[in-house]
């Protein structure tokens, strides 16, 4: 099946893409909508400009469209990108948000596309652990929840700290996927990449009780692409 994949550079959209490829589907395009405002109803905004580096590393064509971040206009912008593509479906990383999945589904229905949400309503802690075990290098690039302080900004989730992170999420009632906006992520490396992203310069911005890790520059490091078992 020929599909496009809606990506933000975060862990869930790229993991959904990874699952689609493991299904044997052909990812014809990566699609990214760039919100003009930080409080977009649908789309990730922190470090979104790095999707170009991610697509280049994946060697898949990227289609980018800027969107105003307003509810209905975001849907029209997504439809405009997809309407002329020779594809059969759209992959997305919706995991818990009814709003996000329903809106994407509306666009797909109008265009006659299949809506593929492979991690929808799956156990969120398990999904996070699957991502790390599959070789996803996940940078926390935004936090906005009690318990997630400045010290977590710019930290990479891995097998060493994942248990502590999950425990912290449980203690403070944080959604372990960050679906409620508690944190956002950037994938620096995963089995989809032919080159990993190495951060050369970043800035931590902290505003009272929330903050961002702004990645100012990256370089790409070639790697050997190895087969990774399909997640169970």
N, C-alpha and C. Protein backbone atom coordinates (compact mmCIF):
# COMPACT_ATOMS: atom_id res chain seq x y z
N UNK A 1 0.84 -1.20 0.00
CA UNK A 1 0.00 0.00 0.00
C UNK A 1 0.87 1.25 0.00
N UNK A 2 0.52 2.20 -0.85
CA UNK A 2 1.25 3.46 -0.91
C UNK A 2 0.59 4.47 0.03
N UNK A 3 1.39 5.01 0.94
CA UNK A 3 0.84 5.92 1.94
C UNK A 3 1.75 7.13 2.11
N UNK A 4 1.19 8.17 2.72
CA UNK A 4 1.98 9.29 3.23
C UNK A 4 1.97 9.18 4.75
N UNK A 5 2.97 9.75 5.39
CA UNK A 5 3.03 9.71 6.84
C UNK A 5 3.13 11.13 7.38
N UNK A 6 2.24 11.44 8.30
CA UNK A 6 2.20 12.76 8.93
C UNK A 6 3.20 12.77 10.08
N UNK A 7 4.25 13.57 9.97
CA UNK A 7 5.29 13.56 11.00
C UNK A 7 5.53 14.95 11.57
N UNK A 8 6.03 14.95 12.81
CA UNK A 8 6.38 16.19 13.50
C UNK A 8 7.85 16.20 13.92
N UNK A 9 8.49 15.03 13.84
CA UNK A 9 9.83 14.87 14.40
C UNK A 9 9.79 14.26 15.78
N UNK A 10 8.58 14.12 16.34
CA UNK A 10 8.42 13.52 17.66
C UNK A 10 8.33 12.01 17.59
N UNK A 11 8.38 11.38 18.76
CA UNK A 11 8.50 9.93 18.86
C UNK A 11 7.30 9.17 18.29
N UNK A 12 6.09 9.65 18.52
CA UNK A 12 4.92 8.86 18.14
C UNK A 12 4.67 8.85 16.64
N UNK A 13 4.84 9.99 15.99
CA UNK A 13 4.63 10.03 14.54
C UNK A 13 5.68 9.19 13.81
N UNK A 14 6.91 9.21 14.30
CA UNK A 14 7.95 8.42 13.66
C UNK A 14 7.82 6.94 13.99
N UNK A 15 7.34 6.63 15.18
CA UNK A 15 7.12 5.22 15.52
C UNK A 15 5.98 4.65 14.68
N UNK A 16 4.94 5.44 14.44
CA UNK A 16 3.85 5.00 13.57
C UNK A 16 4.38 4.73 12.15
N UNK A 17 5.29 5.58 11.69
CA UNK A 17 5.91 5.39 10.37
C UNK A 17 6.72 4.10 10.35
N UNK A 18 7.43 3.86 11.42
CA UNK A 18 8.24 2.64 11.57
C UNK A 18 7.36 1.39 11.50
N UNK A 19 6.22 1.43 12.17
CA UNK A 19 5.31 0.29 12.15
C UNK A 19 4.75 0.08 10.75
N UNK A 20 4.39 1.17 10.06
CA UNK A 20 3.86 1.06 8.70
C UNK A 20 4.87 0.40 7.77
N UNK A 21 6.13 0.78 7.90
CA UNK A 21 7.17 0.16 7.07
C UNK A 21 7.34 -1.31 7.42
N UNK A 22 7.20 -1.64 8.69
CA UNK A 22 7.28 -3.05 9.09
C UNK A 22 6.10 -3.86 8.57
N UNK A 23 5.01 -3.18 8.23
CA UNK A 23 3.87 -3.84 7.61
C UNK A 23 4.11 -4.06 6.12
N UNK A 24 5.19 -3.52 5.61
CA UNK A 24 5.49 -3.66 4.20
C UNK A 24 4.90 -2.57 3.32
N UNK A 25 4.39 -1.52 3.94
CA UNK A 25 3.81 -0.43 3.18
C UNK A 25 4.91 0.48 2.63
N UNK A 26 4.60 1.16 1.54
CA UNK A 26 5.54 2.08 0.91
C UNK A 26 5.23 3.51 1.34
N UNK A 27 6.16 4.12 2.06
CA UNK A 27 5.99 5.52 2.48
C UNK A 27 6.44 6.40 1.32
N UNK A 28 5.47 6.92 0.58
CA UNK A 28 5.77 7.73 -0.60
C UNK A 28 6.18 9.15 -0.23
N UNK A 29 5.58 9.67 0.84
CA UNK A 29 5.84 11.04 1.26
C UNK A 29 5.79 11.14 2.78
N UNK A 30 6.56 12.07 3.30
CA UNK A 30 6.40 12.54 4.67
C UNK A 30 5.70 13.89 4.57
N UNK A 31 4.75 14.13 5.46
CA UNK A 31 3.97 15.37 5.43
C UNK A 31 4.11 16.05 6.78
N UNK A 32 4.41 17.33 6.75
CA UNK A 32 4.54 18.08 8.00
C UNK A 32 3.88 19.44 7.85
N UNK A 33 3.00 19.75 8.80
CA UNK A 33 2.38 21.07 8.84
C UNK A 33 3.06 21.91 9.92
N UNK A 34 3.48 23.10 9.55
CA UNK A 34 4.22 23.97 10.44
C UNK A 34 3.28 25.04 11.00
N UNK A 35 2.90 24.94 12.28
CA UNK A 35 1.97 25.93 12.84
C UNK A 35 2.64 27.28 13.08
N UNK A 36 1.92 28.36 12.75
CA UNK A 36 2.44 29.70 13.00
C UNK A 36 2.37 30.07 14.47
N UNK A 37 1.50 29.36 15.22
CA UNK A 37 1.32 29.66 16.64
C UNK A 37 1.67 28.44 17.48
N UNK A 38 2.14 28.69 18.70
CA UNK A 38 2.60 27.61 19.56
C UNK A 38 1.45 26.76 20.10
N UNK A 39 0.24 27.30 20.13
CA UNK A 39 -0.89 26.58 20.72
C UNK A 39 -1.77 25.92 19.66
N UNK A 40 -1.15 25.41 18.61
CA UNK A 40 -1.89 24.70 17.57
C UNK A 40 -2.73 23.58 18.18
N UNK A 41 -3.95 23.41 17.66
CA UNK A 41 -4.84 22.36 18.15
C UNK A 41 -4.39 20.98 17.68
N UNK A 42 -3.66 20.94 16.58
CA UNK A 42 -3.38 19.65 15.95
C UNK A 42 -1.90 19.30 15.86
N UNK A 43 -1.04 20.31 15.71
CA UNK A 43 0.31 20.01 15.27
C UNK A 43 1.39 20.52 16.23
N UNK A 44 2.41 19.72 16.36
CA UNK A 44 3.61 19.93 17.16
C UNK A 44 4.35 21.16 16.62
N UNK A 45 4.95 21.98 17.51
CA UNK A 45 5.64 23.18 17.03
C UNK A 45 7.11 23.27 17.42
N UNK A 46 7.52 22.68 18.55
CA UNK A 46 8.90 22.84 19.03
C UNK A 46 9.86 22.10 18.09
N UNK A 47 10.86 22.81 17.60
CA UNK A 47 11.89 22.25 16.72
C UNK A 47 11.31 21.61 15.46
N UNK A 48 10.13 22.06 15.04
CA UNK A 48 9.48 21.47 13.88
C UNK A 48 10.29 21.67 12.60
N UNK A 49 11.12 22.71 12.57
CA UNK A 49 11.92 22.97 11.37
C UNK A 49 12.92 21.85 11.09
N UNK A 50 13.20 21.01 12.09
CA UNK A 50 14.16 19.92 11.89
C UNK A 50 13.56 18.75 11.12
N UNK A 51 12.28 18.82 10.78
CA UNK A 51 11.71 17.73 9.97
C UNK A 51 12.42 17.61 8.63
N UNK A 52 12.97 18.71 8.13
CA UNK A 52 13.71 18.65 6.86
C UNK A 52 14.94 17.77 6.99
N UNK A 53 15.66 17.90 8.11
CA UNK A 53 16.83 17.05 8.35
C UNK A 53 16.41 15.60 8.55
N UNK A 54 15.28 15.40 9.22
CA UNK A 54 14.79 14.04 9.46
C UNK A 54 14.41 13.37 8.14
N UNK A 55 13.68 14.08 7.29
CA UNK A 55 13.28 13.52 6.00
C UNK A 55 14.49 13.21 5.14
N UNK A 56 15.47 14.10 5.17
CA UNK A 56 16.71 13.86 4.42
C UNK A 56 17.41 12.61 4.92
N UNK A 57 17.44 12.42 6.23
CA UNK A 57 18.06 11.23 6.81
C UNK A 57 17.30 9.97 6.44
N UNK A 58 15.97 10.07 6.29
CA UNK A 58 15.15 8.92 5.94
C UNK A 58 15.12 8.67 4.43
N UNK A 59 15.56 9.67 3.65
CA UNK A 59 15.57 9.57 2.19
C UNK A 59 14.16 9.38 1.63
N UNK A 60 13.21 10.13 2.19
CA UNK A 60 11.83 10.12 1.73
C UNK A 60 11.42 11.57 1.46
N UNK A 61 10.74 11.83 0.33
CA UNK A 61 10.33 13.21 0.02
C UNK A 61 9.45 13.80 1.12
N UNK A 62 9.70 15.07 1.41
CA UNK A 62 8.96 15.78 2.46
C UNK A 62 8.10 16.88 1.84
N UNK A 63 6.84 16.92 2.25
CA UNK A 63 5.93 17.99 1.85
C UNK A 63 5.61 18.82 3.09
N UNK A 64 5.91 20.11 3.02
CA UNK A 64 5.71 21.01 4.16
C UNK A 64 4.68 22.08 3.79
N UNK A 65 3.80 22.37 4.72
CA UNK A 65 2.87 23.49 4.53
C UNK A 65 2.72 24.22 5.86
N UNK A 66 2.78 25.53 5.79
CA UNK A 66 2.56 26.34 6.98
C UNK A 66 1.07 26.45 7.24
N UNK A 67 0.68 26.39 8.52
CA UNK A 67 -0.73 26.50 8.88
C UNK A 67 -0.89 27.53 9.99
N UNK A 68 -2.04 28.19 10.01
CA UNK A 68 -2.25 29.27 10.97
C UNK A 68 -2.48 28.76 12.38
N UNK A 69 -2.80 27.47 12.54
CA UNK A 69 -3.01 26.91 13.87
C UNK A 69 -4.44 27.00 14.36
N UNK A 70 -5.35 27.50 13.51
CA UNK A 70 -6.76 27.59 13.87
C UNK A 70 -7.47 26.28 13.51
N UNK A 71 -8.44 25.89 14.33
CA UNK A 71 -9.06 24.57 14.24
C UNK A 71 -9.41 24.13 12.82
N UNK A 72 -10.38 24.77 12.19
CA UNK A 72 -10.86 24.30 10.89
C UNK A 72 -9.85 24.55 9.78
N UNK A 73 -9.09 25.63 9.90
CA UNK A 73 -8.11 25.96 8.86
C UNK A 73 -7.02 24.91 8.81
N UNK A 74 -6.67 24.34 9.96
CA UNK A 74 -5.65 23.29 9.97
C UNK A 74 -6.09 22.10 9.13
N UNK A 75 -7.37 21.76 9.19
CA UNK A 75 -7.89 20.64 8.40
C UNK A 75 -7.80 20.94 6.91
N UNK A 76 -8.15 22.16 6.53
CA UNK A 76 -8.09 22.53 5.12
C UNK A 76 -6.66 22.51 4.61
N UNK A 77 -5.72 22.95 5.46
CA UNK A 77 -4.32 22.95 5.07
C UNK A 77 -3.82 21.52 4.85
N UNK A 78 -4.21 20.61 5.74
CA UNK A 78 -3.81 19.21 5.58
C UNK A 78 -4.41 18.63 4.31
N UNK A 79 -5.67 18.94 4.06
CA UNK A 79 -6.34 18.44 2.86
C UNK A 79 -5.65 18.95 1.60
N UNK A 80 -5.24 20.21 1.61
CA UNK A 80 -4.57 20.79 0.45
C UNK A 80 -3.29 20.04 0.11
N UNK A 81 -2.57 19.61 1.13
CA UNK A 81 -1.31 18.88 0.90
C UNK A 81 -1.59 17.50 0.31
N UNK A 82 -2.63 16.84 0.79
CA UNK A 82 -2.87 15.44 0.44
C UNK A 82 -3.66 15.22 -0.84
N UNK A 83 -4.46 16.19 -1.24
CA UNK A 83 -5.50 15.95 -2.24
C UNK A 83 -4.99 15.48 -3.60
N UNK A 84 -3.80 15.87 -4.00
CA UNK A 84 -3.30 15.51 -5.33
C UNK A 84 -2.25 14.40 -5.30
N UNK A 85 -2.04 13.78 -4.14
CA UNK A 85 -1.01 12.75 -4.03
C UNK A 85 -1.54 11.40 -4.49
N UNK A 86 -0.67 10.63 -5.11
CA UNK A 86 -1.02 9.27 -5.55
C UNK A 86 -0.75 8.30 -4.39
N UNK A 87 -1.66 8.32 -3.42
CA UNK A 87 -1.51 7.47 -2.23
C UNK A 87 -2.86 6.84 -1.89
N UNK A 88 -2.81 5.82 -1.03
CA UNK A 88 -4.03 5.13 -0.62
C UNK A 88 -4.40 5.39 0.85
N UNK A 89 -3.46 5.92 1.61
CA UNK A 89 -3.74 6.12 3.03
C UNK A 89 -2.78 7.11 3.67
N UNK A 90 -3.11 7.48 4.91
CA UNK A 90 -2.29 8.40 5.69
C UNK A 90 -1.97 7.77 7.03
N UNK A 91 -0.69 7.72 7.36
CA UNK A 91 -0.22 7.20 8.64
C UNK A 91 -0.09 8.36 9.61
N UNK A 92 -0.52 8.16 10.85
CA UNK A 92 -0.35 9.21 11.86
C UNK A 92 -0.08 8.59 13.22
N UNK A 93 0.49 9.40 14.11
CA UNK A 93 0.91 8.90 15.42
C UNK A 93 -0.05 9.24 16.55
N UNK A 94 -1.32 9.47 16.23
CA UNK A 94 -2.31 9.73 17.29
C UNK A 94 -2.34 8.55 18.25
N UNK A 95 -2.28 8.84 19.54
CA UNK A 95 -2.24 7.75 20.52
C UNK A 95 -3.38 7.85 21.54
N UNK A 96 -3.81 9.06 21.89
CA UNK A 96 -4.86 9.20 22.90
C UNK A 96 -5.86 10.29 22.58
N UNK A 97 -5.49 11.25 21.75
CA UNK A 97 -6.34 12.40 21.49
C UNK A 97 -7.46 12.07 20.51
N UNK A 98 -8.70 12.03 21.03
CA UNK A 98 -9.85 11.81 20.16
C UNK A 98 -9.96 12.93 19.13
N UNK A 99 -9.70 14.15 19.58
CA UNK A 99 -9.80 15.31 18.68
C UNK A 99 -8.88 15.13 17.48
N UNK A 100 -7.61 14.81 17.75
CA UNK A 100 -6.64 14.70 16.67
C UNK A 100 -7.01 13.58 15.69
N UNK A 101 -7.32 12.41 16.23
CA UNK A 101 -7.61 11.28 15.35
C UNK A 101 -8.90 11.51 14.55
N UNK A 102 -9.92 12.05 15.18
CA UNK A 102 -11.18 12.29 14.48
C UNK A 102 -11.00 13.31 13.36
N UNK A 103 -10.22 14.35 13.61
CA UNK A 103 -10.01 15.38 12.60
C UNK A 103 -9.23 14.83 11.42
N UNK A 104 -8.20 14.06 11.71
CA UNK A 104 -7.44 13.44 10.62
C UNK A 104 -8.34 12.48 9.85
N UNK A 105 -9.17 11.75 10.58
CA UNK A 105 -10.11 10.82 9.93
C UNK A 105 -11.08 11.53 9.01
N UNK A 106 -11.54 12.73 9.39
CA UNK A 106 -12.45 13.51 8.55
C UNK A 106 -11.79 13.86 7.22
N UNK A 107 -10.53 14.27 7.29
CA UNK A 107 -9.80 14.62 6.06
C UNK A 107 -9.64 13.38 5.18
N UNK A 108 -9.26 12.27 5.79
CA UNK A 108 -9.07 11.03 5.02
C UNK A 108 -10.38 10.59 4.37
N UNK A 109 -11.48 10.67 5.10
CA UNK A 109 -12.78 10.28 4.55
C UNK A 109 -13.14 11.13 3.33
N UNK A 110 -12.90 12.43 3.43
CA UNK A 110 -13.22 13.33 2.33
C UNK A 110 -12.40 13.02 1.08
N UNK A 111 -11.17 12.55 1.29
CA UNK A 111 -10.27 12.29 0.17
C UNK A 111 -10.25 10.83 -0.25
N UNK A 112 -11.04 9.99 0.44
CA UNK A 112 -11.07 8.57 0.10
C UNK A 112 -9.81 7.82 0.50
N UNK A 113 -9.16 8.27 1.57
CA UNK A 113 -7.92 7.64 2.04
C UNK A 113 -8.18 6.82 3.29
N UNK A 114 -7.38 5.78 3.47
CA UNK A 114 -7.43 5.02 4.71
C UNK A 114 -6.68 5.80 5.79
N UNK A 115 -7.21 5.79 7.00
CA UNK A 115 -6.59 6.48 8.13
C UNK A 115 -5.93 5.42 9.02
N UNK A 116 -4.59 5.40 9.03
CA UNK A 116 -3.86 4.35 9.75
C UNK A 116 -3.22 4.95 11.00
N UNK A 117 -3.76 4.59 12.16
CA UNK A 117 -3.25 5.07 13.46
C UNK A 117 -2.80 3.85 14.27
N UNK A 118 -1.59 3.34 14.02
CA UNK A 118 -1.20 2.04 14.58
C UNK A 118 -1.01 2.00 16.09
N UNK A 119 -0.83 3.15 16.74
CA UNK A 119 -0.65 3.12 18.20
C UNK A 119 -1.86 3.70 18.93
N UNK A 120 -2.95 3.88 18.22
CA UNK A 120 -4.16 4.46 18.80
C UNK A 120 -4.68 3.61 19.96
N UNK A 121 -4.82 4.23 21.12
CA UNK A 121 -5.34 3.61 22.34
C UNK A 121 -4.53 2.39 22.79
N UNK A 122 -3.27 2.32 22.38
CA UNK A 122 -2.38 1.29 22.90
C UNK A 122 -1.84 1.74 24.26
N UNK A 123 -1.34 0.79 25.05
CA UNK A 123 -0.77 1.11 26.35
C UNK A 123 0.41 2.07 26.17
N UNK A 124 0.29 3.26 26.74
CA UNK A 124 1.26 4.31 26.44
C UNK A 124 2.63 4.07 27.06
N UNK A 125 2.66 3.46 28.23
CA UNK A 125 3.96 3.12 28.81
C UNK A 125 4.65 2.07 27.96
N UNK A 126 3.91 1.06 27.53
CA UNK A 126 4.50 0.02 26.69
C UNK A 126 5.03 0.58 25.37
N UNK A 127 4.26 1.49 24.78
CA UNK A 127 4.69 2.10 23.52
C UNK A 127 6.01 2.84 23.71
N UNK A 128 6.13 3.60 24.80
CA UNK A 128 7.37 4.33 25.07
C UNK A 128 8.53 3.36 25.24
N UNK A 129 8.31 2.27 25.94
CA UNK A 129 9.37 1.28 26.11
C UNK A 129 9.71 0.58 24.79
N UNK A 130 8.69 0.29 23.98
CA UNK A 130 8.95 -0.30 22.66
C UNK A 130 9.83 0.63 21.83
N UNK A 131 9.53 1.91 21.88
CA UNK A 131 10.31 2.88 21.10
C UNK A 131 11.78 2.85 21.49
N UNK A 132 12.03 2.86 22.78
CA UNK A 132 13.41 2.86 23.25
C UNK A 132 14.10 1.54 22.91
N UNK A 133 13.39 0.43 23.10
CA UNK A 133 13.97 -0.88 22.80
C UNK A 133 14.23 -1.06 21.30
N UNK A 134 13.47 -0.34 20.47
CA UNK A 134 13.65 -0.42 19.02
C UNK A 134 14.80 0.45 18.53
N UNK A 135 15.41 1.22 19.43
CA UNK A 135 16.55 2.04 19.05
C UNK A 135 16.22 3.50 18.80
N UNK A 136 15.07 3.96 19.28
CA UNK A 136 14.73 5.38 19.15
C UNK A 136 15.51 6.18 20.19
N UNK A 137 16.22 7.21 19.73
CA UNK A 137 16.93 8.13 20.61
C UNK A 137 16.04 9.36 20.77
N UNK A 138 15.39 9.47 21.92
CA UNK A 138 14.31 10.43 22.12
C UNK A 138 14.76 11.58 23.02
N UNK A 139 14.83 12.77 22.45
CA UNK A 139 15.20 13.97 23.20
C UNK A 139 13.93 14.65 23.72
N UNK A 140 13.90 14.99 24.99
CA UNK A 140 12.80 15.79 25.54
C UNK A 140 13.09 17.26 25.23
N UNK A 141 12.26 17.85 24.38
CA UNK A 141 12.55 19.23 23.97
C UNK A 141 11.52 20.26 24.46
N UNK A 142 10.54 19.80 25.25
CA UNK A 142 9.62 20.74 25.90
C UNK A 142 9.00 20.05 27.10
N UNK A 143 8.82 20.79 28.19
CA UNK A 143 8.14 20.26 29.37
C UNK A 143 7.15 21.30 29.87
N UNK A 144 6.00 20.81 30.34
CA UNK A 144 4.98 21.72 30.86
C UNK A 144 4.07 20.95 31.82
N UNK A 145 4.67 20.45 32.90
CA UNK A 145 3.90 19.68 33.88
C UNK A 145 4.65 19.65 35.20
N UNK A 146 3.90 19.65 36.29
CA UNK A 146 4.53 19.51 37.60
C UNK A 146 5.30 18.20 37.65
N UNK A 147 6.53 18.26 38.15
CA UNK A 147 7.37 17.07 38.22
C UNK A 147 8.40 17.02 37.11
N UNK A 148 8.10 17.66 36.00
CA UNK A 148 9.07 17.74 34.90
C UNK A 148 9.72 19.12 34.94
N UNK A 149 10.87 19.18 35.60
CA UNK A 149 11.56 20.45 35.75
C UNK A 149 12.56 20.70 34.64
N UNK A 150 13.28 21.79 34.81
CA UNK A 150 14.26 22.21 33.82
C UNK A 150 15.29 21.12 33.56
N UNK A 151 15.58 20.29 34.58
CA UNK A 151 16.62 19.27 34.42
C UNK A 151 16.29 18.23 33.35
N UNK A 152 15.01 18.12 32.98
CA UNK A 152 14.62 17.15 31.96
C UNK A 152 14.77 17.70 30.54
N UNK A 153 14.87 19.00 30.40
CA UNK A 153 15.01 19.58 29.07
C UNK A 153 16.35 19.21 28.45
N UNK A 154 16.32 18.70 27.24
CA UNK A 154 17.54 18.29 26.56
C UNK A 154 18.04 16.92 26.96
N UNK A 155 17.29 16.25 27.84
CA UNK A 155 17.69 14.90 28.26
C UNK A 155 17.18 13.88 27.25
N UNK A 156 17.97 12.83 27.04
CA UNK A 156 17.60 11.77 26.12
C UNK A 156 17.08 10.58 26.91
N UNK A 157 15.87 10.14 26.59
CA UNK A 157 15.30 8.95 27.23
C UNK A 157 15.99 7.71 26.69
N UNK A 158 16.39 6.83 27.60
CA UNK A 158 17.08 5.60 27.18
C UNK A 158 16.81 4.51 28.21
N UNK A 159 17.45 3.37 28.01
CA UNK A 159 17.21 2.23 28.91
C UNK A 159 17.68 2.51 30.33
N UNK A 160 18.59 3.47 30.48
CA UNK A 160 19.13 3.79 31.81
C UNK A 160 18.15 4.60 32.65
N UNK A 161 17.43 5.52 32.02
CA UNK A 161 16.57 6.42 32.81
C UNK A 161 15.07 6.21 32.60
N UNK A 162 14.68 5.26 31.75
CA UNK A 162 13.26 5.12 31.44
C UNK A 162 12.44 4.72 32.67
N UNK A 163 12.99 3.86 33.53
CA UNK A 163 12.23 3.45 34.72
C UNK A 163 11.97 4.64 35.64
N UNK A 164 12.98 5.48 35.81
CA UNK A 164 12.83 6.67 36.65
C UNK A 164 11.81 7.63 36.03
N UNK A 165 11.84 7.74 34.72
CA UNK A 165 10.90 8.63 34.03
C UNK A 165 9.46 8.14 34.20
N UNK A 166 9.25 6.84 34.01
CA UNK A 166 7.91 6.27 34.17
C UNK A 166 7.42 6.43 35.61
N UNK A 167 8.31 6.21 36.57
CA UNK A 167 7.94 6.37 37.98
C UNK A 167 7.52 7.81 38.26
N UNK A 168 8.26 8.76 37.69
CA UNK A 168 7.93 10.17 37.87
C UNK A 168 6.55 10.48 37.25
N UNK A 169 6.29 9.91 36.08
CA UNK A 169 4.99 10.11 35.43
C UNK A 169 3.86 9.60 36.31
N UNK A 170 4.07 8.43 36.90
CA UNK A 170 3.04 7.85 37.77
C UNK A 170 2.82 8.71 39.01
N UNK A 171 3.91 9.22 39.58
CA UNK A 171 3.83 10.00 40.81
C UNK A 171 3.06 11.31 40.61
N UNK A 172 3.27 11.95 39.45
CA UNK A 172 2.66 13.25 39.21
C UNK A 172 1.46 13.20 38.27
N UNK A 173 1.05 12.01 37.88
CA UNK A 173 -0.10 11.90 36.99
C UNK A 173 0.16 12.41 35.59
N UNK A 174 1.40 12.24 35.13
CA UNK A 174 1.78 12.70 33.80
C UNK A 174 1.49 11.60 32.78
N UNK A 175 0.89 11.98 31.68
CA UNK A 175 0.66 11.02 30.61
C UNK A 175 2.02 10.56 30.06
N UNK A 176 2.32 9.26 30.07
CA UNK A 176 3.66 8.80 29.67
C UNK A 176 3.98 8.97 28.19
N UNK A 177 2.96 9.32 27.40
CA UNK A 177 3.23 9.62 26.00
C UNK A 177 3.34 11.13 25.77
N UNK A 178 3.01 11.91 26.80
CA UNK A 178 3.02 13.37 26.65
C UNK A 178 1.84 13.88 25.84
N UNK A 179 0.83 13.04 25.67
CA UNK A 179 -0.30 13.39 24.80
C UNK A 179 -1.08 14.59 25.30
N UNK A 180 -1.01 14.85 26.61
CA UNK A 180 -1.72 16.00 27.16
C UNK A 180 -0.91 17.29 27.11
N UNK A 181 0.23 17.26 26.41
CA UNK A 181 1.08 18.43 26.31
C UNK A 181 2.08 18.56 27.45
N UNK A 182 2.19 17.50 28.29
CA UNK A 182 3.11 17.54 29.42
C UNK A 182 4.57 17.63 28.99
N UNK A 183 4.87 17.01 27.86
CA UNK A 183 6.22 17.12 27.29
C UNK A 183 6.15 16.83 25.80
N UNK A 184 7.18 17.30 25.09
CA UNK A 184 7.29 17.02 23.66
C UNK A 184 8.67 16.45 23.40
N UNK A 185 8.80 15.80 22.24
CA UNK A 185 10.04 15.08 21.97
C UNK A 185 10.54 15.32 20.55
N UNK A 186 11.82 15.03 20.37
CA UNK A 186 12.47 15.06 19.07
C UNK A 186 13.29 13.79 18.93
N UNK A 187 13.10 13.07 17.84
CA UNK A 187 13.83 11.82 17.62
C UNK A 187 15.13 12.12 16.89
N UNK A 188 16.24 11.90 17.58
CA UNK A 188 17.56 12.16 17.00
C UNK A 188 18.07 10.98 16.19
N UNK A 189 17.58 9.79 16.52
CA UNK A 189 18.00 8.60 15.78
C UNK A 189 16.94 7.52 15.96
N UNK A 190 16.79 6.69 14.95
CA UNK A 190 15.89 5.54 15.01
C UNK A 190 16.21 4.65 13.82
N UNK A 191 15.64 3.45 13.74
CA UNK A 191 15.96 2.54 12.64
C UNK A 191 15.59 3.08 11.26
N UNK A 192 14.77 4.12 11.19
CA UNK A 192 14.38 4.71 9.91
C UNK A 192 15.47 5.60 9.32
N UNK A 193 16.38 6.07 10.16
CA UNK A 193 17.37 7.05 9.73
C UNK A 193 18.60 6.38 9.12
N UNK A 194 19.08 6.94 8.02
CA UNK A 194 20.37 6.53 7.46
C UNK A 194 21.50 7.32 8.11
N UNK A 195 21.16 8.46 8.67
CA UNK A 195 22.12 9.30 9.39
C UNK A 195 21.48 9.75 10.69
N UNK A 196 22.21 9.65 11.80
CA UNK A 196 21.68 10.15 13.06
C UNK A 196 21.93 11.65 13.16
N UNK A 197 21.10 12.32 13.92
CA UNK A 197 21.26 13.75 14.13
C UNK A 197 22.05 13.99 15.41
N UNK A 198 23.11 14.73 15.30
CA UNK A 198 23.95 15.09 16.44
C UNK A 198 23.76 16.58 16.71
N UNK A 199 23.34 16.90 17.93
CA UNK A 199 23.13 18.31 18.28
C UNK A 199 24.47 19.01 18.49
N UNK A 200 24.66 20.11 17.78
CA UNK A 200 25.89 20.89 17.93
C UNK A 200 25.67 22.13 18.80
N UNK A 201 24.45 22.65 18.78
CA UNK A 201 24.18 23.85 19.58
C UNK A 201 22.70 23.83 19.98
N UNK A 202 22.45 24.12 21.23
CA UNK A 202 21.07 24.18 21.71
C UNK A 202 20.95 25.24 22.79
N UNK A 203 19.73 25.67 23.05
CA UNK A 203 19.46 26.68 24.08
C UNK A 203 18.28 26.22 24.93
N UNK A 204 18.46 26.27 26.23
CA UNK A 204 17.37 25.95 27.15
C UNK A 204 16.64 27.25 27.50
N UNK A 205 15.34 27.28 27.24
CA UNK A 205 14.51 28.44 27.56
C UNK A 205 13.53 28.03 28.65
N UNK A 206 13.61 28.68 29.81
CA UNK A 206 12.74 28.32 30.94
C UNK A 206 11.87 29.51 31.32
N UNK A 207 10.55 29.26 31.44
CA UNK A 207 9.59 30.31 31.77
C UNK A 207 8.74 29.88 32.96
N UNK A 208 9.23 30.17 34.16
CA UNK A 208 8.53 29.89 35.43
C UNK A 208 8.29 28.40 35.66
N UNK A 209 7.34 27.80 34.96
CA UNK A 209 6.99 26.41 35.22
C UNK A 209 6.99 25.54 33.97
N UNK A 210 7.52 26.05 32.88
CA UNK A 210 7.61 25.26 31.65
C UNK A 210 8.78 25.78 30.82
N UNK A 211 9.18 25.00 29.85
CA UNK A 211 10.32 25.44 29.05
C UNK A 211 10.53 24.62 27.80
N UNK A 212 11.53 25.04 27.02
CA UNK A 212 11.85 24.40 25.75
C UNK A 212 13.35 24.20 25.63
N UNK A 213 13.71 23.19 24.88
CA UNK A 213 15.10 23.01 24.46
C UNK A 213 15.12 23.30 22.96
N UNK A 214 15.61 24.47 22.61
CA UNK A 214 15.64 24.88 21.21
C UNK A 214 16.94 24.38 20.58
N UNK A 215 16.80 23.50 19.60
CA UNK A 215 17.96 22.96 18.90
C UNK A 215 18.34 23.95 17.80
N UNK A 216 19.51 24.57 17.94
CA UNK A 216 19.93 25.62 17.01
C UNK A 216 20.67 25.07 15.80
N UNK A 217 21.40 23.99 16.00
CA UNK A 217 22.09 23.39 14.85
C UNK A 217 22.37 21.92 15.11
N UNK A 218 22.35 21.15 14.03
CA UNK A 218 22.67 19.72 14.10
C UNK A 218 23.61 19.38 12.96
N UNK A 219 24.30 18.28 13.13
CA UNK A 219 25.04 17.70 12.01
C UNK A 219 24.58 16.26 11.87
N UNK A 220 24.80 15.70 10.70
CA UNK A 220 24.37 14.33 10.44
C UNK A 220 25.58 13.41 10.45
N UNK A 221 25.40 12.26 11.06
CA UNK A 221 26.47 11.27 11.16
C UNK A 221 25.99 9.98 10.51
N UNK A 222 26.69 9.55 9.47
CA UNK A 222 26.28 8.34 8.77
C UNK A 222 26.40 7.14 9.69
N UNK A 223 25.53 6.17 9.47
CA UNK A 223 25.55 4.97 10.31
C UNK A 223 25.24 3.77 9.44
N UNK A 224 25.52 2.60 9.99
CA UNK A 224 25.16 1.37 9.33
C UNK A 224 23.71 1.07 9.66
N UNK A 225 22.88 0.91 8.64
CA UNK A 225 21.47 0.61 8.85
C UNK A 225 21.32 -0.89 9.05
N UNK A 226 20.83 -1.28 10.20
CA UNK A 226 20.64 -2.70 10.50
C UNK A 226 19.17 -3.00 10.67
N UNK A 227 18.81 -4.22 10.43
CA UNK A 227 17.41 -4.62 10.60
C UNK A 227 17.08 -4.68 12.08
N UNK A 228 15.94 -4.16 12.44
CA UNK A 228 15.46 -4.19 13.81
C UNK A 228 14.18 -5.00 13.83
N UNK A 229 14.05 -5.96 14.76
CA UNK A 229 12.84 -6.77 14.79
C UNK A 229 11.59 -5.92 14.91
N UNK A 230 10.52 -6.37 14.29
CA UNK A 230 9.24 -5.67 14.40
C UNK A 230 8.77 -5.72 15.84
N UNK A 231 8.29 -4.58 16.39
CA UNK A 231 7.84 -4.56 17.78
C UNK A 231 6.63 -5.45 17.97
N UNK A 232 6.56 -6.06 19.15
CA UNK A 232 5.42 -6.92 19.43
C UNK A 232 4.27 -6.12 20.00
